[in-house]
Amino acid sequence: MNTKHIADKTERKKLKRAARKKAAPKAKRPTSVARGSNKRKVKVLVKGQRKR
């Protein structure tokens, strides 16, 4: 939801909460998918090298 045009913080919060309530519930992650599957993987490097 885009609330950029609303300057008042409480008003913006109210609208966002209403939109969240109205939105369809998100589907749960299936058990077959790992929790951190979207995380960037750190490659295994040679000993003595920097990771990042």
C-alpha atoms as a PDB file:
ATOM      1  CA  MET A   1       0.000   0.000   0.000  1.00  0.00           C
ATOM      2  CA  ASN A   2       1.357   3.415  -0.979  1.00  0.00           C
ATOM      3  CA  THR A   3       0.825   6.000   1.784  1.00  0.00           C
ATOM      4  CA  LYS A   4       3.429   8.509   0.667  1.00  0.00           C
ATOM      5  CA  HIS A   5       0.884  11.285   0.122  1.00  0.00           C
ATOM      6  CA  ILE A   6      -0.307  11.172   3.765  1.00  0.00           C
ATOM      7  CA  ALA A   7       1.763  13.333   6.092  1.00  0.00           C
ATOM      8  CA  ASP A   8       0.102  12.456   9.411  1.00  0.00           C
ATOM      9  CA  LYS A   9       1.767   9.445  11.028  1.00  0.00           C
ATOM     10  CA  THR A  10      -1.289   8.206  12.959  1.00  0.00           C
ATOM     11  CA  GLU A  11      -3.516   8.489   9.898  1.00  0.00           C
ATOM     12  CA  ARG A  12      -0.986   6.571   7.807  1.00  0.00           C
ATOM     13  CA  LYS A  13      -0.760   3.877  10.484  1.00  0.00           C
ATOM     14  CA  LYS A  14      -4.537   3.541  10.603  1.00  0.00           C
ATOM     15  CA  LEU A  15      -4.761   3.085   6.830  1.00  0.00           C
ATOM     16  CA  LYS A  16      -1.940   0.560   6.760  1.00  0.00           C
ATOM     17  CA  ARG A  17      -3.504  -1.518   9.525  1.00  0.00           C
ATOM     18  CA  ALA A  18      -6.858  -1.502   7.740  1.00  0.00           C
ATOM     19  CA  ALA A  19      -5.201  -2.592   4.485  1.00  0.00           C
ATOM     20  CA  ARG A  20      -3.337  -5.373   6.259  1.00  0.00           C
ATOM     21  CA  LYS A  21      -6.547  -6.611   7.828  1.00  0.00           C
ATOM     22  CA  LYS A  22      -8.350  -6.540   4.473  1.00  0.00           C
ATOM     23  CA  ALA A  23      -5.571  -8.317   2.547  1.00  0.00           C
ATOM     24  CA  ALA A  24      -5.758 -12.051   1.924  1.00  0.00           C
ATOM     25  CA  PRO A  25      -3.713 -14.089   4.405  1.00  0.00           C
ATOM     26  CA  LYS A  26      -0.271 -15.074   3.187  1.00  0.00           C
ATOM     27  CA  ALA A  27       0.340 -18.738   2.435  1.00  0.00           C
ATOM     28  CA  LYS A  28       2.550 -20.535   4.910  1.00  0.00           C
ATOM     29  CA  ARG A  29       5.935 -21.777   3.820  1.00  0.00           C
ATOM     30  CA  PRO A  30       5.786 -25.490   2.970  1.00  0.00           C
ATOM     31  CA  THR A  31       7.802 -27.764   5.242  1.00  0.00           C
ATOM     32  CA  SER A  32       9.803 -29.011   2.258  1.00  0.00           C
ATOM     33  CA  VAL A  33      11.396 -25.559   1.821  1.00  0.00           C
ATOM     34  CA  ALA A  34      14.319 -24.621   4.072  1.00  0.00           C
ATOM     35  CA  ARG A  35      13.890 -21.523   6.250  1.00  0.00           C
ATOM     36  CA  GLY A  36      16.872 -19.625   4.857  1.00  0.00           C
ATOM     37  CA  SER A  37      16.496 -20.762   1.266  1.00  0.00           C
ATOM     38  CA  ASN A  38      16.446 -17.175  -0.078  1.00  0.00           C
ATOM     39  CA  LYS A  39      19.549 -16.107   1.833  1.00  0.00           C
ATOM     40  CA  ARG A  40      22.753 -15.451  -0.072  1.00  0.00           C
ATOM     41  CA  LYS A  41      25.047 -18.420   0.359  1.00  0.00           C
ATOM     42  CA  VAL A  42      28.668 -17.879   1.422  1.00  0.00           C
ATOM     43  CA  LYS A  43      30.980 -19.960  -0.740  1.00  0.00           C
ATOM     44  CA  VAL A  44      33.480 -22.217   1.022  1.00  0.00           C
ATOM     45  CA  LEU A  45      36.858 -20.616   0.404  1.00  0.00           C
ATOM     46  CA  VAL A  46      40.452 -21.698   0.722  1.00  0.00           C
ATOM     47  CA  LYS A  47      41.842 -21.358   4.232  1.00  0.00           C
ATOM     48  CA  GLY A  48      43.264 -17.926   4.943  1.00  0.00           C
ATOM     49  CA  GLN A  49      41.030 -15.951   2.571  1.00  0.00           C
ATOM     50  CA  ARG A  50      38.424 -13.370   3.556  1.00  0.00           C
ATOM     51  CA  LYS A  51      34.783 -14.404   3.373  1.00  0.00           C
ATOM     52  CA  ARG A  52      33.338 -11.060   2.293  1.00  0.00           C
END
